[in-house]
Amino acid sequence: MPELEPRWYRRRRGAGLLLLAFALAAFAAPLWYFRNSDHPLSGQDVVALCDRLDRLPLPEAGWSRAAGTSPGLPRLPGTDAEAAGYCIWRDARGQVAFEAVLSTNRNTRPLGVDALYERMRGEVVATRNDELREADGPGERSIRSRRGNSREWLIEDHGIVLLLRGYRTEDAWFDHAATAALEALRAPPAQPDIVISTSS
C-alpha cells in the first residue's frame, strides 16, 4: 500500500543523516551555552557569603563581618538580581576594610557572568589606576587593580564573578585572602546533620 502513504513520508536518501545532525545540534547547544559553568555555586540564586567565608584569615584583631546589600556590582538590564551574596569586614574603628561581592550565572540570567565580567572589566580599565594586571585561563579570568591604598580583584571563575575590595590592607594579606576566598567558595557546602527519630 505504498500509494496510501503521503509523499513526504517516503524514504529518502540522507534523511537519517539529517535527523542525526539535528539531534547532535540539539544536544550540543546546551553544552556549548553552559561551558565553563562548573563552579559549585554557579546555579545558586542566593549565597550566604559571610557564612562561606567565615574562616577567612583576618590581618588583625578587632575585625567584624556583616552581610549587607550590594553597592558593588552593577545591575545588568534584564537580570533577576544584582548580586547573589555580599559580605563586608570592618576594622576595629568600624570602617569598611574588606568586602566581597558574589554573582552567579543563575542570578545574572539571561546574560550570564561573561557579560557582567566584561562590563566590569571595561569600567576597571577605564578608571585611572596606579597598577593594573590581567590574567586569563580556561574558564577563569581576573583583573587586579590598585589605586592608592585601595585594592580590587575581579575574578570570573567557571560561572561566578567574585569582586574583592580591600581598603588600607597590605598586598600580601589581600592576595592570601583572595586565594582563601576562592578555595572556600569551591568547597562543597556543609550538609546539615539529618536526625531520624524512631520514637513515635
N, C-alpha and C. Protein backbone atom coordinates (compact mmCIF):
# COMPACT_ATOMS: atom_id res chain seq x y z
N MET A 1 0.79 -1.19 0.00
CA MET A 1 0.00 0.00 0.00
C MET A 1 0.84 1.27 0.00
N PRO A 2 1.86 1.28 -0.78
CA PRO A 2 2.68 2.49 -0.82
C PRO A 2 1.93 3.70 -1.36
N GLU A 3 0.89 3.46 -2.15
CA GLU A 3 0.17 4.61 -2.71
C GLU A 3 -0.61 5.38 -1.67
N LEU A 4 -0.89 4.77 -0.49
CA LEU A 4 -1.63 5.47 0.56
C LEU A 4 -0.73 6.35 1.44
N GLU A 5 0.56 6.13 1.37
CA GLU A 5 1.48 6.95 2.17
C GLU A 5 1.60 8.34 1.56
N PRO A 6 1.67 9.36 2.40
CA PRO A 6 1.87 10.70 1.85
C PRO A 6 3.24 10.81 1.18
N ARG A 7 3.36 11.75 0.31
CA ARG A 7 4.58 11.89 -0.47
C ARG A 7 5.79 12.22 0.41
N TRP A 8 5.60 13.05 1.44
CA TRP A 8 6.72 13.45 2.30
C TRP A 8 7.19 12.31 3.19
N TYR A 9 6.36 11.27 3.35
CA TYR A 9 6.70 10.16 4.24
C TYR A 9 7.60 9.13 3.58
N ARG A 10 7.70 9.16 2.27
CA ARG A 10 8.50 8.17 1.56
C ARG A 10 9.96 8.27 1.97
N ARG A 11 10.61 7.14 1.95
CA ARG A 11 12.03 7.09 2.32
C ARG A 11 12.86 7.88 1.31
N ARG A 12 13.76 8.66 1.87
CA ARG A 12 14.63 9.46 1.02
C ARG A 12 16.06 9.24 1.46
N ARG A 13 16.94 9.34 0.52
CA ARG A 13 18.35 9.19 0.81
C ARG A 13 18.84 10.36 1.65
N GLY A 14 19.61 10.08 2.71
CA GLY A 14 20.18 11.14 3.54
C GLY A 14 19.26 11.65 4.63
N ALA A 15 18.05 11.15 4.70
CA ALA A 15 17.12 11.62 5.74
C ALA A 15 17.62 11.24 7.13
N GLY A 16 18.23 10.08 7.25
CA GLY A 16 18.78 9.65 8.54
C GLY A 16 19.93 10.54 8.98
N LEU A 17 20.76 10.94 8.02
CA LEU A 17 21.87 11.83 8.36
C LEU A 17 21.37 13.20 8.80
N LEU A 18 20.32 13.68 8.16
CA LEU A 18 19.74 14.96 8.55
C LEU A 18 19.17 14.89 9.96
N LEU A 19 18.50 13.80 10.27
CA LEU A 19 17.95 13.61 11.61
C LEU A 19 19.08 13.51 12.64
N LEU A 20 20.15 12.82 12.31
CA LEU A 20 21.30 12.71 13.21
C LEU A 20 21.95 14.08 13.45
N ALA A 21 22.10 14.87 12.40
CA ALA A 21 22.68 16.21 12.55
C ALA A 21 21.80 17.08 13.43
N PHE A 22 20.50 17.00 13.27
CA PHE A 22 19.58 17.77 14.10
C PHE A 22 19.69 17.35 15.56
N ALA A 23 19.75 16.05 15.83
CA ALA A 23 19.86 15.56 17.21
C ALA A 23 21.17 16.01 17.85
N LEU A 24 22.27 15.95 17.10
CA LEU A 24 23.56 16.41 17.64
C LEU A 24 23.52 17.90 17.96
N ALA A 25 22.92 18.68 17.08
CA ALA A 25 22.82 20.12 17.34
C ALA A 25 21.96 20.40 18.56
N ALA A 26 20.89 19.64 18.74
CA ALA A 26 20.01 19.84 19.90
C ALA A 26 20.73 19.51 21.20
N PHE A 27 21.63 18.54 21.19
CA PHE A 27 22.37 18.19 22.39
C PHE A 27 23.59 19.08 22.59
N ALA A 28 24.19 19.56 21.51
CA ALA A 28 25.41 20.35 21.62
C ALA A 28 25.15 21.79 22.05
N ALA A 29 24.01 22.35 21.69
CA ALA A 29 23.73 23.75 22.01
C ALA A 29 23.74 24.01 23.52
N PRO A 30 23.05 23.22 24.35
CA PRO A 30 23.12 23.48 25.80
C PRO A 30 24.52 23.25 26.37
N LEU A 31 25.23 22.27 25.84
CA LEU A 31 26.59 22.03 26.33
C LEU A 31 27.49 23.22 26.02
N TRP A 32 27.34 23.80 24.83
CA TRP A 32 28.15 24.95 24.48
C TRP A 32 27.76 26.16 25.32
N TYR A 33 26.46 26.36 25.54
CA TYR A 33 25.99 27.52 26.30
C TYR A 33 26.48 27.47 27.74
N PHE A 34 26.48 26.30 28.35
CA PHE A 34 26.86 26.18 29.75
C PHE A 34 28.32 25.76 29.95
N ARG A 35 29.15 25.92 28.92
CA ARG A 35 30.56 25.59 29.07
C ARG A 35 31.18 26.51 30.13
N ASN A 36 32.18 26.05 30.79
CA ASN A 36 32.87 26.81 31.83
C ASN A 36 31.93 27.28 32.92
N SER A 37 30.91 26.51 33.22
CA SER A 37 29.97 26.84 34.30
C SER A 37 29.91 25.71 35.30
N ASP A 38 31.05 25.17 35.65
CA ASP A 38 31.05 24.01 36.54
C ASP A 38 31.37 24.36 37.99
N HIS A 39 31.31 25.63 38.33
CA HIS A 39 31.54 26.02 39.73
C HIS A 39 30.36 25.54 40.57
N PRO A 40 30.61 25.05 41.80
CA PRO A 40 29.51 24.56 42.63
C PRO A 40 28.43 25.60 42.92
N LEU A 41 28.75 26.88 42.86
CA LEU A 41 27.78 27.92 43.18
C LEU A 41 27.15 28.57 41.94
N SER A 42 27.53 28.14 40.74
CA SER A 42 27.06 28.84 39.54
C SER A 42 25.55 28.75 39.35
N GLY A 43 24.89 27.78 39.93
CA GLY A 43 23.45 27.65 39.80
C GLY A 43 22.65 28.21 40.95
N GLN A 44 23.29 28.92 41.87
CA GLN A 44 22.60 29.45 43.05
C GLN A 44 22.07 30.86 42.79
N ASP A 45 20.87 31.14 43.29
CA ASP A 45 20.32 32.50 43.24
C ASP A 45 20.87 33.35 44.37
N VAL A 46 20.95 32.77 45.56
CA VAL A 46 21.40 33.49 46.75
C VAL A 46 22.44 32.63 47.46
N VAL A 47 23.53 33.26 47.89
CA VAL A 47 24.60 32.56 48.60
C VAL A 47 24.86 33.33 49.90
N ALA A 48 24.90 32.62 51.02
CA ALA A 48 25.25 33.23 52.30
C ALA A 48 26.77 33.40 52.31
N LEU A 49 27.23 34.49 51.73
CA LEU A 49 28.66 34.68 51.50
C LEU A 49 29.44 34.80 52.80
N CYS A 50 28.89 35.48 53.79
CA CYS A 50 29.60 35.60 55.08
C CYS A 50 29.80 34.24 55.72
N ASP A 51 28.81 33.36 55.60
CA ASP A 51 28.96 32.02 56.16
C ASP A 51 29.99 31.21 55.39
N ARG A 52 30.04 31.37 54.06
CA ARG A 52 31.00 30.63 53.25
C ARG A 52 32.44 31.10 53.52
N LEU A 53 32.59 32.38 53.87
CA LEU A 53 33.93 32.95 54.09
C LEU A 53 34.22 33.17 55.57
N ASP A 54 33.60 32.39 56.44
CA ASP A 54 33.77 32.62 57.88
C ASP A 54 35.17 32.30 58.38
N ARG A 55 35.93 31.49 57.67
CA ARG A 55 37.29 31.14 58.10
C ARG A 55 38.36 31.94 57.38
N LEU A 56 37.96 33.01 56.77
CA LEU A 56 38.93 33.86 56.09
C LEU A 56 39.90 34.45 57.10
N PRO A 57 41.21 34.34 56.85
CA PRO A 57 42.17 34.87 57.82
C PRO A 57 42.09 36.39 57.90
N LEU A 58 42.04 36.91 59.11
CA LEU A 58 41.95 38.36 59.32
C LEU A 58 43.33 38.91 59.65
N PRO A 59 43.66 40.10 59.16
CA PRO A 59 45.01 40.63 59.38
C PRO A 59 45.28 41.10 60.80
N GLU A 60 44.23 41.47 61.52
CA GLU A 60 44.43 41.97 62.88
C GLU A 60 43.19 41.71 63.71
N ALA A 61 43.34 41.77 65.00
CA ALA A 61 42.21 41.54 65.90
C ALA A 61 41.24 42.72 65.83
N GLY A 62 40.01 42.47 66.18
CA GLY A 62 39.02 43.54 66.22
C GLY A 62 38.19 43.66 64.96
N TRP A 63 38.46 42.85 63.95
CA TRP A 63 37.66 42.91 62.73
C TRP A 63 36.35 42.18 62.95
N SER A 64 35.29 42.68 62.35
CA SER A 64 33.99 42.01 62.40
C SER A 64 33.43 41.95 60.99
N ARG A 65 32.53 41.02 60.75
CA ARG A 65 31.95 40.90 59.41
C ARG A 65 30.43 40.96 59.50
N ALA A 66 29.81 41.40 58.42
CA ALA A 66 28.35 41.50 58.39
C ALA A 66 27.88 41.39 56.95
N ALA A 67 26.75 40.74 56.78
CA ALA A 67 26.13 40.66 55.45
C ALA A 67 25.42 41.97 55.17
N GLY A 68 25.21 42.27 53.93
CA GLY A 68 24.52 43.51 53.60
C GLY A 68 24.03 43.48 52.17
N THR A 69 23.51 44.59 51.72
CA THR A 69 23.11 44.70 50.33
C THR A 69 24.28 45.22 49.54
N SER A 70 24.29 44.94 48.28
CA SER A 70 25.48 45.19 47.47
C SER A 70 25.46 46.53 46.76
N PRO A 71 26.46 47.36 47.01
CA PRO A 71 26.66 48.51 46.16
C PRO A 71 27.70 48.22 45.09
N GLY A 72 28.25 46.99 45.08
CA GLY A 72 29.45 46.71 44.32
C GLY A 72 29.27 46.29 42.89
N LEU A 73 28.27 45.49 42.57
CA LEU A 73 28.12 45.01 41.21
C LEU A 73 27.02 45.78 40.50
N PRO A 74 27.25 46.17 39.26
CA PRO A 74 26.19 46.87 38.53
C PRO A 74 25.07 45.91 38.17
N ARG A 75 23.88 46.43 38.08
CA ARG A 75 22.74 45.62 37.65
C ARG A 75 22.72 45.65 36.13
N LEU A 76 22.71 44.46 35.54
CA LEU A 76 22.63 44.37 34.09
C LEU A 76 21.17 44.43 33.66
N PRO A 77 20.87 45.03 32.53
CA PRO A 77 19.48 45.07 32.07
C PRO A 77 18.94 43.66 31.86
N GLY A 78 17.78 43.37 32.39
CA GLY A 78 17.16 42.07 32.21
C GLY A 78 17.58 41.01 33.20
N THR A 79 18.39 41.33 34.19
CA THR A 79 18.80 40.32 35.17
C THR A 79 17.81 40.28 36.32
N ASP A 80 17.80 39.15 37.02
CA ASP A 80 16.88 38.97 38.14
C ASP A 80 17.34 39.70 39.39
N ALA A 81 18.62 39.71 39.65
CA ALA A 81 19.13 40.31 40.89
C ALA A 81 20.50 40.90 40.63
N GLU A 82 20.94 41.71 41.55
CA GLU A 82 22.23 42.37 41.40
C GLU A 82 23.37 41.46 41.82
N ALA A 83 23.28 40.85 42.97
CA ALA A 83 24.36 40.00 43.47
C ALA A 83 23.77 38.84 44.26
N ALA A 84 24.46 37.71 44.20
CA ALA A 84 23.99 36.53 44.93
C ALA A 84 24.42 36.58 46.40
N GLY A 85 25.52 37.24 46.69
CA GLY A 85 25.99 37.34 48.06
C GLY A 85 26.89 38.54 48.26
N TYR A 86 26.88 39.06 49.47
CA TYR A 86 27.67 40.25 49.79
C TYR A 86 28.08 40.17 51.25
N CYS A 87 29.33 40.47 51.53
CA CYS A 87 29.81 40.45 52.91
C CYS A 87 30.88 41.53 53.07
N ILE A 88 30.84 42.21 54.21
CA ILE A 88 31.85 43.24 54.50
C ILE A 88 32.53 42.92 55.82
N TRP A 89 33.77 43.34 55.92
CA TRP A 89 34.54 43.22 57.15
C TRP A 89 34.91 44.63 57.59
N ARG A 90 34.67 44.93 58.85
CA ARG A 90 35.00 46.25 59.40
C ARG A 90 36.19 46.10 60.33
N ASP A 91 37.02 47.13 60.36
CA ASP A 91 38.17 47.10 61.26
C ASP A 91 37.75 47.54 62.66
N ALA A 92 38.72 47.66 63.56
CA ALA A 92 38.42 48.00 64.96
C ALA A 92 37.78 49.38 65.09
N ARG A 93 38.02 50.27 64.13
CA ARG A 93 37.42 51.61 64.16
C ARG A 93 36.03 51.64 63.55
N GLY A 94 35.55 50.51 63.02
CA GLY A 94 34.22 50.44 62.42
C GLY A 94 34.17 50.81 60.95
N GLN A 95 35.33 51.03 60.33
CA GLN A 95 35.36 51.38 58.91
C GLN A 95 35.46 50.12 58.07
N VAL A 96 34.87 50.16 56.88
CA VAL A 96 34.93 49.01 55.98
C VAL A 96 36.38 48.83 55.54
N ALA A 97 36.92 47.63 55.80
CA ALA A 97 38.30 47.34 55.44
C ALA A 97 38.40 46.35 54.28
N PHE A 98 37.38 45.51 54.12
CA PHE A 98 37.42 44.47 53.09
C PHE A 98 35.98 44.11 52.76
N GLU A 99 35.71 43.88 51.48
CA GLU A 99 34.37 43.46 51.09
C GLU A 99 34.46 42.45 49.96
N ALA A 100 33.47 41.58 49.93
CA ALA A 100 33.38 40.55 48.89
C ALA A 100 31.96 40.56 48.33
N VAL A 101 31.86 40.54 47.01
CA VAL A 101 30.57 40.53 46.32
C VAL A 101 30.60 39.37 45.34
N LEU A 102 29.56 38.54 45.37
CA LEU A 102 29.49 37.35 44.51
C LEU A 102 28.27 37.43 43.62
N SER A 103 28.46 37.11 42.36
CA SER A 103 27.35 36.99 41.43
C SER A 103 27.52 35.68 40.66
N THR A 104 26.41 35.03 40.34
CA THR A 104 26.46 33.71 39.70
C THR A 104 25.75 33.74 38.35
N ASN A 105 25.96 32.68 37.58
CA ASN A 105 25.27 32.54 36.30
C ASN A 105 23.77 32.56 36.48
N ARG A 106 23.30 32.00 37.57
CA ARG A 106 21.86 31.89 37.79
C ARG A 106 21.22 33.26 38.04
N ASN A 107 21.85 34.09 38.87
CA ASN A 107 21.19 35.35 39.19
C ASN A 107 21.51 36.46 38.20
N THR A 108 22.34 36.19 37.20
CA THR A 108 22.60 37.19 36.16
C THR A 108 21.96 36.79 34.84
N ARG A 109 21.07 35.81 34.88
CA ARG A 109 20.44 35.37 33.63
C ARG A 109 19.59 36.48 33.05
N PRO A 110 19.40 36.58 31.80
CA PRO A 110 19.83 35.66 30.76
C PRO A 110 21.22 35.95 30.22
N LEU A 111 21.87 37.01 30.66
CA LEU A 111 23.16 37.39 30.09
C LEU A 111 24.32 36.57 30.63
N GLY A 112 24.31 36.21 31.89
CA GLY A 112 25.38 35.40 32.47
C GLY A 112 26.55 36.22 32.97
N VAL A 113 27.48 35.52 33.61
CA VAL A 113 28.61 36.19 34.23
C VAL A 113 29.62 36.69 33.21
N ASP A 114 29.65 36.12 32.01
CA ASP A 114 30.57 36.62 30.99
C ASP A 114 30.30 38.08 30.67
N ALA A 115 29.02 38.41 30.47
CA ALA A 115 28.66 39.80 30.17
C ALA A 115 28.94 40.71 31.36
N LEU A 116 28.67 40.22 32.57
CA LEU A 116 28.94 41.01 33.77
C LEU A 116 30.43 41.27 33.92
N TYR A 117 31.25 40.23 33.73
CA TYR A 117 32.70 40.39 33.84
C TYR A 117 33.21 41.39 32.80
N GLU A 118 32.77 41.26 31.56
CA GLU A 118 33.25 42.16 30.51
C GLU A 118 32.86 43.61 30.80
N ARG A 119 31.65 43.81 31.30
CA ARG A 119 31.22 45.17 31.63
C ARG A 119 32.06 45.76 32.76
N MET A 120 32.26 44.97 33.81
CA MET A 120 33.04 45.47 34.94
C MET A 120 34.51 45.63 34.57
N ARG A 121 35.02 44.75 33.73
CA ARG A 121 36.40 44.86 33.27
C ARG A 121 36.59 46.18 32.52
N GLY A 122 35.63 46.53 31.69
CA GLY A 122 35.70 47.80 30.97
C GLY A 122 35.73 48.99 31.90
N GLU A 123 34.95 48.91 32.98
CA GLU A 123 34.94 50.01 33.95
C GLU A 123 36.27 50.10 34.69
N VAL A 124 36.86 48.95 35.04
CA VAL A 124 38.14 48.96 35.75
C VAL A 124 39.24 49.50 34.86
N VAL A 125 39.27 49.07 33.60
CA VAL A 125 40.31 49.52 32.68
C VAL A 125 40.17 51.02 32.40
N ALA A 126 38.94 51.51 32.31
CA ALA A 126 38.72 52.93 32.02
C ALA A 126 39.09 53.83 33.19
N THR A 127 39.11 53.28 34.40
CA THR A 127 39.45 54.06 35.58
C THR A 127 40.96 54.22 35.65
N ARG A 128 41.40 55.35 36.12
CA ARG A 128 42.85 55.56 36.25
C ARG A 128 43.33 54.82 37.49
N ASN A 129 44.22 53.86 37.28
CA ASN A 129 44.76 53.05 38.36
C ASN A 129 46.27 53.19 38.44
N ASP A 130 46.81 53.00 39.65
CA ASP A 130 48.26 53.00 39.82
C ASP A 130 48.86 51.72 39.26
N GLU A 131 48.12 50.64 39.35
CA GLU A 131 48.61 49.34 38.89
C GLU A 131 47.42 48.55 38.35
N LEU A 132 47.63 47.81 37.25
CA LEU A 132 46.58 47.02 36.64
C LEU A 132 47.20 45.75 36.06
N ARG A 133 46.69 44.59 36.48
CA ARG A 133 47.20 43.30 35.98
C ARG A 133 46.03 42.42 35.58
N GLU A 134 46.17 41.76 34.43
CA GLU A 134 45.14 40.85 33.94
C GLU A 134 45.72 39.46 33.76
N ALA A 135 44.88 38.45 33.98
CA ALA A 135 45.28 37.06 33.74
C ALA A 135 44.09 36.32 33.16
N ASP A 136 44.35 35.51 32.13
CA ASP A 136 43.30 34.71 31.51
C ASP A 136 43.69 33.24 31.60
N GLY A 137 42.68 32.42 31.78
CA GLY A 137 42.89 30.98 31.81
C GLY A 137 41.65 30.31 31.28
N PRO A 138 41.64 28.98 31.21
CA PRO A 138 40.46 28.28 30.71
C PRO A 138 39.30 28.41 31.71
N GLY A 139 38.31 29.21 31.37
CA GLY A 139 37.15 29.39 32.25
C GLY A 139 37.39 30.31 33.41
N GLU A 140 38.57 30.88 33.49
CA GLU A 140 38.88 31.76 34.62
C GLU A 140 39.64 32.97 34.11
N ARG A 141 39.16 34.14 34.49
CA ARG A 141 39.83 35.39 34.13
C ARG A 141 39.87 36.26 35.37
N SER A 142 40.85 37.11 35.44
CA SER A 142 40.90 38.03 36.58
C SER A 142 41.59 39.32 36.17
N ILE A 143 41.23 40.36 36.87
CA ILE A 143 41.87 41.65 36.69
C ILE A 143 42.04 42.27 38.07
N ARG A 144 43.26 42.70 38.34
CA ARG A 144 43.59 43.30 39.64
C ARG A 144 43.98 44.74 39.42
N SER A 145 43.53 45.58 40.33
CA SER A 145 43.89 46.98 40.23
C SER A 145 44.20 47.53 41.61
N ARG A 146 45.00 48.57 41.61
CA ARG A 146 45.35 49.25 42.87
C ARG A 146 45.35 50.74 42.60
N ARG A 147 44.72 51.46 43.50
CA ARG A 147 44.74 52.91 43.43
C ARG A 147 44.97 53.41 44.85
N GLY A 148 46.11 54.02 45.08
CA GLY A 148 46.45 54.48 46.43
C GLY A 148 46.55 53.30 47.38
N ASN A 149 45.78 53.33 48.45
CA ASN A 149 45.82 52.21 49.40
C ASN A 149 44.61 51.29 49.24
N SER A 150 43.91 51.38 48.12
CA SER A 150 42.76 50.51 47.84
C SER A 150 43.15 49.47 46.79
N ARG A 151 42.69 48.26 47.00
CA ARG A 151 42.95 47.18 46.08
C ARG A 151 41.63 46.57 45.64
N GLU A 152 41.60 46.09 44.41
CA GLU A 152 40.39 45.46 43.88
C GLU A 152 40.81 44.27 43.01
N TRP A 153 40.09 43.17 43.16
CA TRP A 153 40.38 41.98 42.37
C TRP A 153 39.05 41.44 41.87
N LEU A 154 38.87 41.45 40.56
CA LEU A 154 37.67 40.94 39.90
C LEU A 154 38.02 39.60 39.28
N ILE A 155 37.30 38.55 39.68
CA ILE A 155 37.62 37.19 39.25
C ILE A 155 36.38 36.54 38.65
N GLU A 156 36.53 35.99 37.45
CA GLU A 156 35.47 35.17 36.84
C GLU A 156 35.98 33.74 36.88
N ASP A 157 35.24 32.88 37.57
CA ASP A 157 35.71 31.51 37.80
C ASP A 157 34.60 30.51 37.49
N HIS A 158 34.56 30.04 36.25
CA HIS A 158 33.68 28.93 35.85
C HIS A 158 32.22 29.12 36.24
N GLY A 159 31.66 30.29 36.03
CA GLY A 159 30.24 30.50 36.30
C GLY A 159 29.93 31.43 37.45
N ILE A 160 30.93 32.00 38.09
CA ILE A 160 30.71 33.00 39.13
C ILE A 160 31.61 34.20 38.86
N VAL A 161 31.22 35.34 39.38
CA VAL A 161 32.08 36.52 39.40
C VAL A 161 32.23 36.92 40.86
N LEU A 162 33.47 37.03 41.30
CA LEU A 162 33.78 37.44 42.67
C LEU A 162 34.55 38.74 42.61
N LEU A 163 34.03 39.74 43.30
CA LEU A 163 34.70 41.04 43.39
C LEU A 163 35.17 41.21 44.82
N LEU A 164 36.47 41.39 44.98
CA LEU A 164 37.07 41.61 46.31
C LEU A 164 37.66 43.00 46.34
N ARG A 165 37.38 43.73 47.41
CA ARG A 165 37.94 45.07 47.59
C ARG A 165 38.58 45.16 48.96
N GLY A 166 39.77 45.71 49.00
CA GLY A 166 40.45 45.93 50.26
C GLY A 166 40.82 47.39 50.39
N TYR A 167 40.58 47.94 51.57
CA TYR A 167 40.89 49.34 51.85
C TYR A 167 41.91 49.38 52.98
N ARG A 168 43.02 50.02 52.75
CA ARG A 168 44.08 50.12 53.76
C ARG A 168 44.57 48.74 54.20
N THR A 169 44.70 47.82 53.26
CA THR A 169 45.21 46.48 53.56
C THR A 169 46.53 46.28 52.83
N GLU A 170 47.34 45.38 53.34
CA GLU A 170 48.63 45.08 52.71
C GLU A 170 48.43 44.13 51.53
N ASP A 171 49.32 44.23 50.54
CA ASP A 171 49.22 43.39 49.36
C ASP A 171 49.30 41.90 49.70
N ALA A 172 50.22 41.53 50.57
CA ALA A 172 50.40 40.11 50.90
C ALA A 172 49.14 39.53 51.54
N TRP A 173 48.54 40.27 52.48
CA TRP A 173 47.32 39.77 53.11
C TRP A 173 46.18 39.72 52.10
N PHE A 174 46.05 40.74 51.26
CA PHE A 174 44.97 40.78 50.27
C PHE A 174 45.07 39.59 49.32
N ASP A 175 46.28 39.28 48.83
CA ASP A 175 46.47 38.13 47.95
C ASP A 175 46.11 36.83 48.66
N HIS A 176 46.54 36.70 49.91
CA HIS A 176 46.24 35.50 50.69
C HIS A 176 44.74 35.37 50.93
N ALA A 177 44.07 36.46 51.24
CA ALA A 177 42.63 36.44 51.48
C ALA A 177 41.87 36.09 50.21
N ALA A 178 42.31 36.59 49.06
CA ALA A 178 41.64 36.28 47.80
C ALA A 178 41.77 34.80 47.46
N THR A 179 42.95 34.25 47.65
CA THR A 179 43.16 32.82 47.39
C THR A 179 42.32 31.97 48.34
N ALA A 180 42.29 32.34 49.61
CA ALA A 180 41.48 31.60 50.59
C ALA A 180 39.99 31.71 50.27
N ALA A 181 39.54 32.87 49.79
CA ALA A 181 38.13 33.05 49.45
C ALA A 181 37.74 32.16 48.27
N LEU A 182 38.59 32.09 47.25
CA LEU A 182 38.30 31.22 46.11
C LEU A 182 38.24 29.76 46.52
N GLU A 183 39.17 29.34 47.38
CA GLU A 183 39.16 27.95 47.86
C GLU A 183 37.91 27.67 48.68
N ALA A 184 37.50 28.61 49.52
CA ALA A 184 36.31 28.42 50.35
C ALA A 184 35.05 28.34 49.49
N LEU A 185 35.00 29.10 48.41
CA LEU A 185 33.82 29.06 47.54
C LEU A 185 33.78 27.80 46.69
N ARG A 186 34.94 27.20 46.42
CA ARG A 186 34.99 25.95 45.66
C ARG A 186 34.61 24.74 46.52
N ALA A 187 34.77 24.86 47.83
CA ALA A 187 34.47 23.73 48.73
C ALA A 187 32.97 23.46 48.72
N PRO A 188 32.58 22.18 48.79
CA PRO A 188 31.14 21.89 48.85
C PRO A 188 30.54 22.43 50.13
N PRO A 189 29.29 22.91 50.08
CA PRO A 189 28.67 23.45 51.29
C PRO A 189 28.47 22.36 52.33
N ALA A 190 28.56 22.75 53.58
CA ALA A 190 28.37 21.79 54.68
C ALA A 190 26.93 21.33 54.69
N GLN A 191 26.74 20.04 54.79
CA GLN A 191 25.40 19.46 54.84
C GLN A 191 24.95 19.40 56.29
N PRO A 192 23.72 19.80 56.58
CA PRO A 192 23.24 19.70 57.96
C PRO A 192 23.07 18.24 58.34
N ASP A 193 23.27 17.97 59.61
CA ASP A 193 23.08 16.61 60.11
C ASP A 193 21.60 16.24 60.02
N ILE A 194 21.35 15.06 59.53
CA ILE A 194 19.97 14.57 59.43
C ILE A 194 19.72 13.66 60.62
N VAL A 195 18.72 13.99 61.38
CA VAL A 195 18.36 13.19 62.56
C VAL A 195 17.05 12.48 62.26
N ILE A 196 17.09 11.18 62.37
CA ILE A 196 15.88 10.39 62.13
C ILE A 196 15.41 9.88 63.48
N SER A 197 14.22 10.24 63.81
CA SER A 197 13.65 9.82 65.09
C SER A 197 12.86 8.54 64.88
N THR A 198 13.15 7.55 65.70
CA THR A 198 12.43 6.28 65.60
C THR A 198 11.32 6.17 66.63
N SER A 199 11.27 7.12 67.54
CA SER A 199 10.20 7.08 68.55
C SER A 199 8.93 7.67 67.97
N SER A 200 7.81 7.17 68.45
CA SER A 200 6.54 7.68 67.92
C SER A 200 5.77 8.46 68.95
